[in-house]
Structures are given as C-alpha cells and as structure tokens.
Amino acid sequence: MVAQLGVRDLTAPEFRARARVEAVAIQVRTGSANKLMPGFAGTLSEREIDGVARFVVTRLAGATVVTTAGGSDAAAGPGSGARPAVVD
C-alpha cells in the first residue's frame, strides 16, 4: 500500500531511527513537499500538531522522543534551546 501511494512507511526502521518530534511537527504543519499530505497549520492548534507529531514518533514509529540537544521529551518544550533533527 505504501508503494502504491508513494508515501513513507512510518513504521520502517529507517524512519524510526531518525524520527524526531520537531521535524515531524514541521511536516504536519506545512505538509509534504510532494503535496500528498496537506499542511494543517491554521486547522490544528500548535498543541494538536505537537500531539500528532509525538504520536507518530512514539506510538506509531516506536521511537524514543529525543531532540538534537540530547534532551528528553520534557526538554523539547518552548525555550528549551533544542533544535530539531531533519527528517527529509
């Protein structure tokens, strides 16, 4: 199904190894480059976007929530200084 739709498999080990909440939140906010997924900025609140991103990274993909600053989930909040890792 993933290949037929031309989308990324969020359960694939390659994605799980590099998934970061901040990068997924950017994707949810702005949409995908290929326009298969629309952006949800203005439709979802920042809190909702963060919740979707955390679900994708922690529940769906099974990864640990981390930031490039090496912090934990709690360290990733506003003003934490944590910078997102890029998930192409």
Protein backbone atom coordinates (compact mmCIF):
# COMPACT_ATOMS: atom_id res chain seq x y z
CA MET A 1 0.00 0.00 0.00
CA VAL A 2 2.81 2.42 0.87
CA ALA A 3 4.49 1.93 -2.51
CA GLN A 4 1.19 2.35 -4.35
CA LEU A 5 0.52 5.66 -2.62
CA GLY A 6 4.08 6.92 -2.94
CA VAL A 7 4.32 7.78 0.77
CA ARG A 8 6.82 6.98 3.51
CA ASP A 9 6.30 3.93 5.73
CA LEU A 10 6.31 5.43 9.22
CA THR A 11 6.91 2.00 10.74
CA ALA A 12 10.06 1.34 8.67
CA PRO A 13 13.30 1.01 10.67
CA GLU A 14 14.96 3.72 8.52
CA PHE A 15 12.29 6.24 9.54
CA ARG A 16 12.14 5.09 13.16
CA ALA A 17 15.89 5.53 13.56
CA ARG A 18 15.81 9.23 12.69
CA ALA A 19 12.28 10.39 13.54
CA ARG A 20 12.22 13.50 15.74
CA VAL A 21 9.13 15.20 17.14
CA GLU A 22 10.19 18.65 15.97
CA ALA A 23 10.76 17.55 12.38
CA VAL A 24 7.51 15.60 12.22
CA ALA A 25 5.67 18.64 13.63
CA ILE A 26 7.10 20.78 10.82
CA GLN A 27 5.80 18.25 8.28
CA VAL A 28 2.35 18.20 9.90
CA ARG A 29 2.31 22.00 10.00
CA THR A 30 3.49 22.62 6.41
CA GLY A 31 2.55 19.43 4.56
CA SER A 32 4.69 17.24 2.36
CA ALA A 33 6.82 18.52 -0.49
CA ASN A 34 5.00 16.23 -2.94
CA LYS A 35 1.64 17.63 -1.73
CA LEU A 36 0.24 14.18 -0.91
CA MET A 37 -0.22 15.39 2.66
CA PRO A 38 -1.63 18.86 3.18
CA GLY A 39 -0.34 21.17 5.89
CA PHE A 40 -2.50 21.56 8.97
CA ALA A 41 -1.30 24.95 10.23
CA GLY A 42 -4.40 27.02 10.85
CA THR A 43 -6.55 23.89 11.05
CA LEU A 44 -4.92 22.31 14.08
CA SER A 45 -3.61 24.22 17.09
CA GLU A 46 0.11 24.04 17.90
CA ARG A 47 -0.77 21.75 20.80
CA GLU A 48 -2.67 19.42 18.45
CA ILE A 49 0.19 19.45 15.91
CA ASP A 50 2.61 18.59 18.71
CA GLY A 51 0.32 15.76 19.80
CA VAL A 52 0.16 14.30 16.29
CA ALA A 53 3.95 14.54 15.96
CA ARG A 54 4.51 12.85 19.31
CA PHE A 55 2.08 10.07 18.35
CA VAL A 56 3.91 9.44 15.08
CA VAL A 57 7.31 9.31 16.77
CA THR A 58 6.47 7.49 20.00
CA ARG A 59 3.48 5.29 19.24
CA LEU A 60 3.31 4.69 15.52
CA ALA A 61 7.03 4.58 14.79
CA GLY A 62 8.01 3.17 18.18
CA ALA A 63 11.00 5.50 18.59
CA THR A 64 12.17 7.33 21.69
CA VAL A 65 11.42 11.05 21.78
CA VAL A 66 14.72 12.92 21.56
CA THR A 67 15.98 16.28 20.43
CA THR A 68 19.25 17.18 18.75
CA ALA A 69 20.25 18.82 22.03
CA GLY A 70 20.19 15.33 23.53
CA GLY A 71 17.33 16.17 25.88
CA SER A 72 14.33 14.16 26.85
CA ASP A 73 10.70 14.71 25.95
CA ALA A 74 10.41 17.36 28.65
CA ALA A 75 13.45 19.22 27.34
CA ALA A 76 11.88 19.71 23.93
CA GLY A 77 9.40 22.38 25.02
CA PRO A 78 9.41 26.05 24.04
CA GLY A 79 12.51 27.89 25.14
CA SER A 80 14.46 24.68 25.67
CA GLY A 81 17.04 25.59 23.05
CA ALA A 82 16.61 22.19 21.45
CA ARG A 83 16.87 22.17 17.67
CA PRO A 84 15.03 19.68 15.51
CA ALA A 85 16.73 16.95 13.58
CA VAL A 86 15.74 16.86 9.93
CA VAL A 87 13.58 14.04 8.69
CA ASP A 88 13.88 14.67 4.97
